[in-house]
Amino acid sequence: MGYLLGLKEYLSDGYNYSIFQQALDSADMWALHLHGNRVVQAKIVEDLTYDVKLALDNKKTEELSKIQIKCLYPVNLMEPIKAMLTMNEQVQAMEIEPIVKPQDRYVIKNKSLFPLMKQQQNVVLTLLEGEVLHGIVIGFSRYDLMFLVQGIPIVILRHSIYDLQDSNGRSFRKSFQQEHRDWEKSELFCE
């Protein structure tokens, strides 16, 4: 049974990190893409276990389940990121709702993410409602992954991912990788 060189150390350093805590500490305005194709601009004012409390532009507060959030980034990046989002109409037509049970989600394993991040491989990320981004994985935690799109960072919540593929269309979903085990082909893999 082999392992990926550096993965264990990477996970021990920041695997439980939460972007919501960073957003709370920053007191900055964030753009949050929510299910139902809603985008809000808000400050995170409280980071609860399964919810976040937001202060919206109009000073109104709203408590929101984290499962409703697909991605977030500082509000000043809103226009460039909106311009980079495309749609996969087939996935959009599936009308996938947020998936509450972790065992039912479209999982991308840490073993797949780590080599992609280290090798800075270009990938295509598709969210549950069909949004598509092209870029590289620059970091990940238990809850999210940092994705760099044309030099602009965006945080993707892992529960909102439908698929992650390389430029040839090869999937990194757990259901595919359980059999194909691409992480074993990485130069980081040790037996």
N, C-alpha and C. Protein backbone atom coordinates (compact mmCIF):
# COMPACT_ATOMS: atom_id res chain seq x y z
N MET A 1 0.85 -1.18 0.00
CA MET A 1 0.00 0.00 0.00
C MET A 1 0.89 1.24 0.00
N GLY A 2 0.74 2.09 -1.00
CA GLY A 2 1.60 3.25 -1.14
C GLY A 2 0.99 4.50 -0.53
N TYR A 3 1.73 5.59 -0.69
CA TYR A 3 1.28 6.88 -0.18
C TYR A 3 1.81 8.00 -1.07
N LEU A 4 1.25 9.17 -0.91
CA LEU A 4 1.69 10.36 -1.64
C LEU A 4 2.63 11.16 -0.76
N LEU A 5 3.82 11.38 -1.24
CA LEU A 5 4.84 12.13 -0.51
C LEU A 5 4.36 13.55 -0.22
N GLY A 6 4.26 13.88 1.07
CA GLY A 6 3.87 15.22 1.47
C GLY A 6 2.39 15.40 1.80
N LEU A 7 1.54 14.45 1.41
CA LEU A 7 0.10 14.61 1.65
C LEU A 7 -0.23 14.63 3.14
N LYS A 8 0.32 13.71 3.89
CA LYS A 8 0.03 13.63 5.32
C LYS A 8 0.38 14.95 6.02
N GLU A 9 1.54 15.52 5.70
CA GLU A 9 1.98 16.77 6.30
C GLU A 9 1.07 17.92 5.87
N TYR A 10 0.69 17.93 4.60
CA TYR A 10 -0.20 18.98 4.09
C TYR A 10 -1.53 18.96 4.85
N LEU A 11 -2.09 17.78 5.04
CA LEU A 11 -3.36 17.66 5.73
C LEU A 11 -3.25 18.05 7.20
N SER A 12 -2.14 17.72 7.84
CA SER A 12 -2.00 18.07 9.26
C SER A 12 -1.85 19.58 9.46
N ASP A 13 -1.36 20.29 8.45
CA ASP A 13 -1.16 21.73 8.57
C ASP A 13 -2.44 22.55 8.46
N GLY A 14 -3.37 22.17 7.58
CA GLY A 14 -4.51 23.05 7.39
C GLY A 14 -5.79 22.38 6.94
N TYR A 15 -5.93 21.11 7.18
CA TYR A 15 -7.09 20.40 6.66
C TYR A 15 -8.40 20.87 7.27
N ASN A 16 -8.38 21.35 8.51
CA ASN A 16 -9.60 21.81 9.16
C ASN A 16 -9.83 23.31 9.01
N TYR A 17 -9.01 23.96 8.20
CA TYR A 17 -9.15 25.39 7.91
C TYR A 17 -10.52 25.67 7.28
N SER A 18 -11.11 26.79 7.64
CA SER A 18 -12.40 27.18 7.06
C SER A 18 -12.31 28.58 6.47
N ILE A 19 -12.69 28.73 5.23
CA ILE A 19 -12.73 30.04 4.58
C ILE A 19 -13.69 30.97 5.31
N PHE A 20 -14.70 30.42 5.94
CA PHE A 20 -15.66 31.26 6.65
C PHE A 20 -15.01 31.96 7.84
N GLN A 21 -14.08 31.29 8.50
CA GLN A 21 -13.37 31.93 9.60
C GLN A 21 -12.49 33.06 9.07
N GLN A 22 -11.82 32.82 7.94
CA GLN A 22 -11.01 33.88 7.33
C GLN A 22 -11.88 35.07 6.93
N ALA A 23 -13.03 34.78 6.34
CA ALA A 23 -13.94 35.85 5.92
C ALA A 23 -14.45 36.63 7.13
N LEU A 24 -14.74 35.94 8.21
CA LEU A 24 -15.19 36.59 9.44
C LEU A 24 -14.09 37.49 9.99
N ASP A 25 -12.87 36.98 10.04
CA ASP A 25 -11.75 37.74 10.58
C ASP A 25 -11.42 38.97 9.73
N SER A 26 -11.65 38.89 8.42
CA SER A 26 -11.28 39.98 7.53
C SER A 26 -12.24 41.17 7.61
N ALA A 27 -13.50 40.92 7.93
CA ALA A 27 -14.55 41.95 7.95
C ALA A 27 -14.74 42.61 6.58
N ASP A 28 -14.26 41.95 5.51
CA ASP A 28 -14.43 42.47 4.14
C ASP A 28 -15.77 42.02 3.58
N MET A 29 -16.15 42.64 2.48
CA MET A 29 -17.33 42.20 1.74
C MET A 29 -16.93 41.03 0.84
N TRP A 30 -17.79 40.02 0.78
CA TRP A 30 -17.55 38.83 -0.02
C TRP A 30 -18.72 38.64 -0.97
N ALA A 31 -18.42 38.11 -2.15
CA ALA A 31 -19.45 37.68 -3.09
C ALA A 31 -19.66 36.19 -2.87
N LEU A 32 -20.89 35.79 -2.61
CA LEU A 32 -21.22 34.39 -2.38
C LEU A 32 -22.19 33.93 -3.47
N HIS A 33 -21.81 32.88 -4.18
CA HIS A 33 -22.70 32.28 -5.17
C HIS A 33 -23.48 31.19 -4.46
N LEU A 34 -24.80 31.33 -4.49
CA LEU A 34 -25.68 30.41 -3.78
C LEU A 34 -26.48 29.55 -4.77
N HIS A 35 -26.97 28.43 -4.28
CA HIS A 35 -27.86 27.61 -5.11
C HIS A 35 -29.08 28.44 -5.47
N GLY A 36 -29.63 28.13 -6.61
CA GLY A 36 -30.74 28.92 -7.14
C GLY A 36 -30.23 30.09 -7.96
N ASN A 37 -28.94 30.04 -8.32
CA ASN A 37 -28.29 31.09 -9.13
C ASN A 37 -28.43 32.47 -8.51
N ARG A 38 -28.33 32.51 -7.22
CA ARG A 38 -28.37 33.78 -6.48
C ARG A 38 -26.94 34.16 -6.08
N VAL A 39 -26.60 35.42 -6.26
CA VAL A 39 -25.30 35.93 -5.82
C VAL A 39 -25.56 37.07 -4.84
N VAL A 40 -24.96 36.98 -3.66
CA VAL A 40 -25.12 38.05 -2.68
C VAL A 40 -23.76 38.63 -2.33
N GLN A 41 -23.79 39.90 -1.98
CA GLN A 41 -22.60 40.57 -1.47
C GLN A 41 -22.84 40.81 0.01
N ALA A 42 -21.93 40.30 0.84
CA ALA A 42 -22.18 40.38 2.29
C ALA A 42 -20.88 40.27 3.07
N LYS A 43 -20.98 40.67 4.32
CA LYS A 43 -19.92 40.41 5.29
C LYS A 43 -20.34 39.19 6.10
N ILE A 44 -19.39 38.34 6.40
CA ILE A 44 -19.66 37.21 7.30
C ILE A 44 -19.53 37.77 8.72
N VAL A 45 -20.62 37.71 9.49
CA VAL A 45 -20.58 38.27 10.84
C VAL A 45 -20.58 37.19 11.92
N GLU A 46 -20.90 35.95 11.52
CA GLU A 46 -20.83 34.84 12.47
C GLU A 46 -20.64 33.54 11.70
N ASP A 47 -19.69 32.73 12.17
CA ASP A 47 -19.40 31.43 11.56
C ASP A 47 -19.89 30.35 12.52
N LEU A 48 -21.04 29.79 12.22
CA LEU A 48 -21.63 28.74 13.04
C LEU A 48 -21.23 27.38 12.47
N THR A 49 -21.58 26.32 13.12
CA THR A 49 -21.18 24.99 12.67
C THR A 49 -21.69 24.67 11.26
N TYR A 50 -22.98 24.84 11.03
CA TYR A 50 -23.56 24.49 9.73
C TYR A 50 -24.11 25.70 8.97
N ASP A 51 -24.05 26.86 9.59
CA ASP A 51 -24.63 28.07 9.00
C ASP A 51 -23.62 29.22 9.09
N VAL A 52 -23.91 30.26 8.35
CA VAL A 52 -23.19 31.52 8.51
C VAL A 52 -24.22 32.62 8.63
N LYS A 53 -23.86 33.65 9.40
CA LYS A 53 -24.72 34.82 9.49
C LYS A 53 -24.06 35.90 8.64
N LEU A 54 -24.86 36.48 7.74
CA LEU A 54 -24.37 37.48 6.81
C LEU A 54 -24.97 38.84 7.13
N ALA A 55 -24.17 39.88 6.92
CA ALA A 55 -24.68 41.25 6.93
C ALA A 55 -24.67 41.71 5.48
N LEU A 56 -25.86 41.91 4.93
CA LEU A 56 -26.00 42.28 3.52
C LEU A 56 -25.76 43.77 3.32
N ASP A 57 -25.71 44.18 2.05
CA ASP A 57 -25.47 45.58 1.71
C ASP A 57 -26.40 46.54 2.44
N ASN A 58 -27.64 46.16 2.56
CA ASN A 58 -28.64 47.04 3.17
C ASN A 58 -28.66 46.94 4.70
N LYS A 59 -27.60 46.37 5.26
CA LYS A 59 -27.43 46.21 6.72
C LYS A 59 -28.35 45.16 7.32
N LYS A 60 -29.17 44.54 6.50
CA LYS A 60 -30.03 43.45 6.95
C LYS A 60 -29.16 42.21 7.18
N THR A 61 -29.48 41.42 8.19
CA THR A 61 -28.73 40.18 8.41
C THR A 61 -29.56 38.99 7.94
N GLU A 62 -28.84 37.96 7.55
CA GLU A 62 -29.48 36.73 7.07
C GLU A 62 -28.64 35.55 7.54
N GLU A 63 -29.30 34.55 8.08
CA GLU A 63 -28.61 33.31 8.43
C GLU A 63 -28.82 32.33 7.29
N LEU A 64 -27.74 31.71 6.88
CA LEU A 64 -27.75 30.88 5.68
C LEU A 64 -27.02 29.58 5.95
N SER A 65 -27.61 28.48 5.51
CA SER A 65 -26.95 27.18 5.62
C SER A 65 -25.74 27.15 4.69
N LYS A 66 -24.62 26.68 5.20
CA LYS A 66 -23.40 26.60 4.38
C LYS A 66 -23.60 25.72 3.15
N ILE A 67 -24.48 24.76 3.23
CA ILE A 67 -24.73 23.85 2.10
C ILE A 67 -25.30 24.61 0.89
N GLN A 68 -25.86 25.80 1.12
CA GLN A 68 -26.41 26.61 0.03
C GLN A 68 -25.33 27.38 -0.73
N ILE A 69 -24.13 27.48 -0.16
CA ILE A 69 -23.06 28.29 -0.75
C ILE A 69 -22.22 27.42 -1.67
N LYS A 70 -22.06 27.86 -2.90
CA LYS A 70 -21.25 27.12 -3.88
C LYS A 70 -19.81 27.62 -3.90
N CYS A 71 -19.64 28.93 -3.90
CA CYS A 71 -18.30 29.50 -3.92
C CYS A 71 -18.34 30.92 -3.38
N LEU A 72 -17.17 31.43 -3.03
CA LEU A 72 -17.08 32.80 -2.54
C LEU A 72 -15.70 33.37 -2.80
N TYR A 73 -15.65 34.70 -2.82
CA TYR A 73 -14.41 35.42 -3.09
C TYR A 73 -14.63 36.88 -2.71
N PRO A 74 -13.55 37.64 -2.53
CA PRO A 74 -13.72 39.06 -2.21
C PRO A 74 -14.53 39.77 -3.29
N VAL A 75 -15.41 40.64 -2.86
CA VAL A 75 -16.37 41.28 -3.76
C VAL A 75 -15.69 42.06 -4.90
N ASN A 76 -14.48 42.55 -4.67
CA ASN A 76 -13.80 43.30 -5.74
C ASN A 76 -13.41 42.43 -6.93
N LEU A 77 -13.52 41.11 -6.80
CA LEU A 77 -13.20 40.19 -7.91
C LEU A 77 -14.46 39.74 -8.66
N MET A 78 -15.60 40.30 -8.32
CA MET A 78 -16.87 39.82 -8.84
C MET A 78 -16.97 39.91 -10.37
N GLU A 79 -16.67 41.04 -10.93
CA GLU A 79 -16.82 41.20 -12.38
C GLU A 79 -15.90 40.28 -13.18
N PRO A 80 -14.58 40.20 -12.86
CA PRO A 80 -13.74 39.29 -13.63
C PRO A 80 -14.17 37.83 -13.50
N ILE A 81 -14.60 37.41 -12.30
CA ILE A 81 -15.00 36.02 -12.11
C ILE A 81 -16.30 35.72 -12.86
N LYS A 82 -17.26 36.62 -12.81
CA LYS A 82 -18.51 36.41 -13.56
C LYS A 82 -18.22 36.22 -15.04
N ALA A 83 -17.24 36.97 -15.56
CA ALA A 83 -16.89 36.87 -16.98
C ALA A 83 -16.24 35.53 -17.32
N MET A 84 -15.64 34.86 -16.34
CA MET A 84 -14.96 33.59 -16.58
C MET A 84 -15.86 32.37 -16.43
N LEU A 85 -17.01 32.55 -15.81
CA LEU A 85 -17.94 31.44 -15.61
C LEU A 85 -18.67 31.10 -16.91
N THR A 86 -18.65 29.84 -17.28
CA THR A 86 -19.47 29.36 -18.40
C THR A 86 -20.43 28.32 -17.83
N MET A 87 -21.31 27.80 -18.68
CA MET A 87 -22.29 26.82 -18.20
C MET A 87 -22.18 25.52 -18.98
N ASN A 88 -22.31 24.42 -18.26
CA ASN A 88 -22.47 23.10 -18.86
C ASN A 88 -23.99 22.87 -18.86
N GLU A 89 -24.60 22.98 -20.02
CA GLU A 89 -26.06 22.92 -20.10
C GLU A 89 -26.62 21.56 -19.72
N GLN A 90 -25.84 20.49 -19.96
CA GLN A 90 -26.31 19.15 -19.58
C GLN A 90 -26.43 19.03 -18.06
N VAL A 91 -25.42 19.52 -17.35
CA VAL A 91 -25.46 19.47 -15.89
C VAL A 91 -26.54 20.41 -15.38
N GLN A 92 -26.65 21.58 -15.97
CA GLN A 92 -27.67 22.55 -15.57
C GLN A 92 -29.07 21.94 -15.70
N ALA A 93 -29.29 21.20 -16.77
CA ALA A 93 -30.60 20.59 -17.02
C ALA A 93 -30.94 19.50 -16.00
N MET A 94 -29.95 18.96 -15.31
CA MET A 94 -30.19 17.94 -14.29
C MET A 94 -30.85 18.52 -13.04
N GLU A 95 -30.77 19.84 -12.88
CA GLU A 95 -31.37 20.55 -11.74
C GLU A 95 -31.02 19.90 -10.41
N ILE A 96 -29.72 19.74 -10.16
CA ILE A 96 -29.25 19.11 -8.93
C ILE A 96 -29.38 20.09 -7.77
N GLU A 97 -30.03 19.66 -6.74
CA GLU A 97 -30.19 20.45 -5.52
C GLU A 97 -28.96 20.25 -4.64
N PRO A 98 -28.77 21.09 -3.62
CA PRO A 98 -27.67 20.84 -2.68
C PRO A 98 -27.81 19.44 -2.08
N ILE A 99 -26.70 18.77 -1.91
CA ILE A 99 -26.69 17.40 -1.43
C ILE A 99 -26.30 17.41 0.05
N VAL A 100 -27.25 17.12 0.90
CA VAL A 100 -27.05 17.24 2.34
C VAL A 100 -26.16 16.12 2.88
N LYS A 101 -26.45 14.88 2.52
CA LYS A 101 -25.71 13.75 3.06
C LYS A 101 -24.33 13.65 2.40
N PRO A 102 -23.25 13.71 3.17
CA PRO A 102 -21.91 13.64 2.58
C PRO A 102 -21.68 12.39 1.72
N GLN A 103 -22.26 11.27 2.11
CA GLN A 103 -22.06 10.04 1.35
C GLN A 103 -22.71 10.07 -0.04
N ASP A 104 -23.62 11.02 -0.26
CA ASP A 104 -24.30 11.12 -1.55
C ASP A 104 -23.66 12.15 -2.48
N ARG A 105 -22.64 12.87 -2.01
CA ARG A 105 -22.02 13.93 -2.81
C ARG A 105 -21.06 13.38 -3.85
N TYR A 106 -20.71 14.23 -4.80
CA TYR A 106 -19.73 13.90 -5.84
C TYR A 106 -18.35 14.24 -5.28
N VAL A 107 -17.72 13.27 -4.66
CA VAL A 107 -16.50 13.48 -3.90
C VAL A 107 -15.26 13.47 -4.80
N ILE A 108 -14.36 14.41 -4.51
CA ILE A 108 -13.02 14.41 -5.10
C ILE A 108 -12.08 14.13 -3.93
N LYS A 109 -11.40 12.99 -3.97
CA LYS A 109 -10.57 12.57 -2.84
C LYS A 109 -9.32 13.44 -2.71
N ASN A 110 -8.84 13.54 -1.48
CA ASN A 110 -7.59 14.27 -1.23
C ASN A 110 -6.44 13.69 -2.04
N LYS A 111 -6.43 12.36 -2.21
CA LYS A 111 -5.38 11.70 -2.99
C LYS A 111 -5.37 12.17 -4.44
N SER A 112 -6.51 12.59 -4.95
CA SER A 112 -6.58 13.12 -6.31
C SER A 112 -6.23 14.60 -6.35
N LEU A 113 -6.67 15.36 -5.35
CA LEU A 113 -6.43 16.80 -5.32
C LEU A 113 -4.96 17.15 -5.10
N PHE A 114 -4.29 16.40 -4.23
CA PHE A 114 -2.92 16.75 -3.87
C PHE A 114 -1.96 16.75 -5.07
N PRO A 115 -1.92 15.68 -5.88
CA PRO A 115 -1.04 15.73 -7.05
C PRO A 115 -1.43 16.84 -8.05
N LEU A 116 -2.72 17.08 -8.22
CA LEU A 116 -3.17 18.16 -9.11
C LEU A 116 -2.63 19.50 -8.62
N MET A 117 -2.69 19.72 -7.32
CA MET A 117 -2.22 20.96 -6.73
C MET A 117 -0.70 21.08 -6.89
N LYS A 118 0.02 20.04 -6.53
CA LYS A 118 1.48 20.08 -6.58
C LYS A 118 2.01 20.25 -8.00
N GLN A 119 1.36 19.62 -8.97
CA GLN A 119 1.82 19.68 -10.35
C GLN A 119 1.18 20.84 -11.12
N GLN A 120 0.31 21.59 -10.45
CA GLN A 120 -0.39 22.73 -11.04
C GLN A 120 -0.98 22.39 -12.42
N GLN A 121 -1.66 21.27 -12.44
CA GLN A 121 -2.29 20.78 -13.67
C GLN A 121 -3.57 21.56 -13.97
N ASN A 122 -3.75 21.97 -15.21
CA ASN A 122 -4.97 22.64 -15.63
C ASN A 122 -6.13 21.66 -15.58
N VAL A 123 -7.21 22.10 -14.95
CA VAL A 123 -8.39 21.26 -14.81
C VAL A 123 -9.66 22.06 -15.11
N VAL A 124 -10.74 21.32 -15.30
CA VAL A 124 -12.05 21.91 -15.53
C VAL A 124 -12.94 21.50 -14.36
N LEU A 125 -13.47 22.49 -13.66
CA LEU A 125 -14.30 22.27 -12.50
C LEU A 125 -15.75 22.59 -12.85
N THR A 126 -16.65 21.66 -12.56
CA THR A 126 -18.08 21.87 -12.82
C THR A 126 -18.83 21.80 -11.49
N LEU A 127 -19.66 22.80 -11.24
CA LEU A 127 -20.46 22.84 -10.02
C LEU A 127 -21.82 22.18 -10.24
N LEU A 128 -22.53 21.94 -9.18
CA LEU A 128 -23.80 21.20 -9.23
C LEU A 128 -24.84 21.84 -10.15
N GLU A 129 -24.85 23.17 -10.27
CA GLU A 129 -25.83 23.82 -11.13
C GLU A 129 -25.29 24.08 -12.53
N GLY A 130 -24.11 23.52 -12.83
CA GLY A 130 -23.58 23.58 -14.19
C GLY A 130 -22.53 24.64 -14.45
N GLU A 131 -22.20 25.49 -13.48
CA GLU A 131 -21.16 26.49 -13.70
C GLU A 131 -19.83 25.78 -13.94
N VAL A 132 -19.04 26.31 -14.88
CA VAL A 132 -17.77 25.71 -15.25
C VAL A 132 -16.66 26.74 -15.12
N LEU A 133 -15.56 26.33 -14.51
CA LEU A 133 -14.36 27.16 -14.39
C LEU A 133 -13.15 26.36 -14.85
N HIS A 134 -12.24 27.02 -15.55
CA HIS A 134 -10.99 26.41 -16.00
C HIS A 134 -9.87 27.04 -15.18
N GLY A 135 -9.02 26.21 -14.57
CA GLY A 135 -7.93 26.77 -13.78
C GLY A 135 -7.10 25.69 -13.13
N ILE A 136 -6.47 26.05 -12.01
CA ILE A 136 -5.65 25.09 -11.28
C ILE A 136 -6.04 25.10 -9.80
N VAL A 137 -5.89 23.96 -9.17
CA VAL A 137 -6.11 23.83 -7.73
C VAL A 137 -4.85 24.34 -7.04
N ILE A 138 -5.00 25.33 -6.14
CA ILE A 138 -3.83 25.86 -5.43
C ILE A 138 -3.85 25.54 -3.94
N GLY A 139 -4.91 24.90 -3.48
CA GLY A 139 -5.00 24.49 -2.08
C GLY A 139 -6.35 23.86 -1.81
N PHE A 140 -6.44 23.12 -0.69
CA PHE A 140 -7.72 22.54 -0.31
C PHE A 140 -7.72 22.23 1.18
N SER A 141 -8.92 22.15 1.71
CA SER A 141 -9.13 21.73 3.09
C SER A 141 -10.27 20.72 3.09
N ARG A 142 -10.71 20.35 4.26
CA ARG A 142 -11.83 19.41 4.37
C ARG A 142 -13.09 19.97 3.71
N TYR A 143 -13.24 21.31 3.74
CA TYR A 143 -14.49 21.93 3.33
C TYR A 143 -14.47 22.61 1.96
N ASP A 144 -13.30 23.01 1.51
CA ASP A 144 -13.25 23.81 0.29
C ASP A 144 -11.96 23.57 -0.47
N LEU A 145 -11.92 24.14 -1.67
CA LEU A 145 -10.66 24.14 -2.40
C LEU A 145 -10.45 25.53 -2.98
N MET A 146 -9.18 25.92 -3.00
CA MET A 146 -8.78 27.20 -3.60
C MET A 146 -8.47 26.92 -5.05
N PHE A 147 -9.10 27.69 -5.90
CA PHE A 147 -8.99 27.47 -7.34
C PHE A 147 -8.49 28.78 -7.96
N LEU A 148 -7.52 28.69 -8.84
CA LEU A 148 -6.97 29.88 -9.49
C LEU A 148 -7.43 29.88 -10.94
N VAL A 149 -8.18 30.92 -11.31
CA VAL A 149 -8.73 31.05 -12.66
C VAL A 149 -8.12 32.30 -13.29
N GLN A 150 -7.29 32.11 -14.28
CA GLN A 150 -6.62 33.23 -14.95
C GLN A 150 -5.98 34.17 -13.94
N GLY A 151 -5.33 33.61 -12.95
CA GLY A 151 -4.63 34.39 -11.94
C GLY A 151 -5.51 34.94 -10.82
N ILE A 152 -6.79 34.63 -10.83
CA ILE A 152 -7.72 35.15 -9.82
C ILE A 152 -8.18 33.99 -8.92
N PRO A 153 -8.00 34.13 -7.58
CA PRO A 153 -8.40 33.05 -6.68
C PRO A 153 -9.89 33.07 -6.37
N ILE A 154 -10.45 31.88 -6.30
CA ILE A 154 -11.86 31.71 -5.92
C ILE A 154 -11.94 30.47 -5.02
N VAL A 155 -12.74 30.55 -3.99
CA VAL A 155 -12.90 29.42 -3.06
C VAL A 155 -14.17 28.66 -3.44
N ILE A 156 -14.00 27.38 -3.71
CA ILE A 156 -15.11 26.50 -4.10
C ILE A 156 -15.41 25.59 -2.91
N LEU A 157 -16.66 25.55 -2.48
CA LEU A 157 -17.04 24.63 -1.41
C LEU A 157 -17.12 23.22 -1.98
N ARG A 158 -16.49 22.28 -1.33
CA ARG A 158 -16.40 20.92 -1.86
C ARG A 158 -17.78 20.28 -2.04
N HIS A 159 -18.74 20.63 -1.21
CA HIS A 159 -20.08 20.04 -1.34
C HIS A 159 -20.79 20.51 -2.61
N SER A 160 -20.28 21.54 -3.26
CA SER A 160 -20.94 22.08 -4.46
C SER A 160 -20.34 21.57 -5.77
N ILE A 161 -19.35 20.68 -5.69
CA ILE A 161 -18.66 20.19 -6.89
C ILE A 161 -19.43 19.04 -7.51
N TYR A 162 -19.62 19.13 -8.81
CA TYR A 162 -20.21 18.04 -9.58
C TYR A 162 -19.10 17.16 -10.16
N ASP A 163 -18.07 17.79 -10.76
CA ASP A 163 -16.98 17.03 -11.35
C ASP A 163 -15.74 17.89 -11.46
N LEU A 164 -14.60 17.23 -11.53
CA LEU A 164 -13.31 17.85 -11.77
C LEU A 164 -12.61 16.97 -12.79
N GLN A 165 -12.23 17.55 -13.92
CA GLN A 165 -11.64 16.77 -15.01
C GLN A 165 -10.37 17.43 -15.51
N ASP A 166 -9.48 16.61 -16.08
CA ASP A 166 -8.31 17.19 -16.72
C ASP A 166 -8.71 17.69 -18.10
N SER A 167 -7.78 18.25 -18.83
CA SER A 167 -8.10 18.85 -20.14
C SER A 167 -8.53 17.82 -21.18
N ASN A 168 -8.30 16.53 -20.89
CA ASN A 168 -8.73 15.46 -21.79
C ASN A 168 -10.09 14.88 -21.39
N GLY A 169 -10.71 15.42 -20.34
CA GLY A 169 -12.02 14.94 -19.91
C GLY A 169 -11.97 13.78 -18.92
N ARG A 170 -10.78 13.46 -18.40
CA ARG A 170 -10.66 12.37 -17.43
C ARG A 170 -11.08 12.88 -16.05
N SER A 171 -12.02 12.20 -15.44
CA SER A 171 -12.62 12.63 -14.19
C SER A 171 -11.74 12.28 -12.98
N PHE A 172 -11.80 13.13 -11.97
CA PHE A 172 -11.13 12.86 -10.70
C PHE A 172 -12.14 12.56 -9.59
N ARG A 173 -13.39 12.31 -9.98
CA ARG A 173 -14.40 11.92 -9.01
C ARG A 173 -14.01 10.60 -8.35
N LYS A 174 -14.37 10.48 -7.09
CA LYS A 174 -14.07 9.26 -6.33
C LYS A 174 -14.61 8.02 -7.04
N SER A 175 -15.82 8.11 -7.57
CA SER A 175 -16.45 6.95 -8.21
C SER A 175 -15.62 6.44 -9.39
N PHE A 176 -14.94 7.33 -10.11
CA PHE A 176 -14.08 6.95 -11.23
C PHE A 176 -12.69 6.55 -10.74
N GLN A 177 -12.16 7.30 -9.81
CA GLN A 177 -10.79 7.08 -9.35
C GLN A 177 -10.62 5.85 -8.47
N GLN A 178 -11.69 5.35 -7.86
CA GLN A 178 -11.58 4.13 -7.06
C GLN A 178 -11.01 3.00 -7.91
N GLU A 179 -11.39 2.99 -9.18
CA GLU A 179 -10.89 1.95 -10.09
C GLU A 179 -9.60 2.36 -10.79
N HIS A 180 -9.51 3.61 -11.24
CA HIS A 180 -8.39 4.03 -12.08
C HIS A 180 -7.16 4.54 -11.32
N ARG A 181 -7.35 5.01 -10.10
CA ARG A 181 -6.27 5.36 -9.16
C ARG A 181 -5.14 6.19 -9.82
N ASP A 182 -5.51 7.30 -10.43
CA ASP A 182 -4.52 8.15 -11.11
C ASP A 182 -3.46 8.68 -10.16
N TRP A 183 -3.76 8.82 -8.87
CA TRP A 183 -2.75 9.32 -7.92
C TRP A 183 -1.53 8.40 -7.89
N GLU A 184 -1.71 7.12 -8.21
CA GLU A 184 -0.59 6.19 -8.21
C GLU A 184 0.36 6.44 -9.39
N LYS A 185 -0.10 7.20 -10.39
CA LYS A 185 0.74 7.53 -11.54
C LYS A 185 1.53 8.81 -11.30
N SER A 186 1.26 9.48 -10.20
CA SER A 186 1.94 10.74 -9.87
C SER A 186 3.39 10.48 -9.45
N GLU A 187 4.26 11.43 -9.75
CA GLU A 187 5.66 11.34 -9.31
C GLU A 187 5.77 11.43 -7.78
N LEU A 188 4.69 11.83 -7.11
CA LEU A 188 4.68 11.93 -5.65
C LEU A 188 4.35 10.59 -4.99
N PHE A 189 3.90 9.62 -5.77
CA PHE A 189 3.48 8.34 -5.21
C PHE A 189 4.67 7.47 -4.85
N CYS A 190 4.68 6.97 -3.62
CA CYS A 190 5.74 6.08 -3.14
C CYS A 190 5.11 4.76 -2.72
N GLU A 191 5.77 3.66 -3.07
CA GLU A 191 5.24 2.34 -2.68
C GLU A 191 5.87 1.86 -1.41
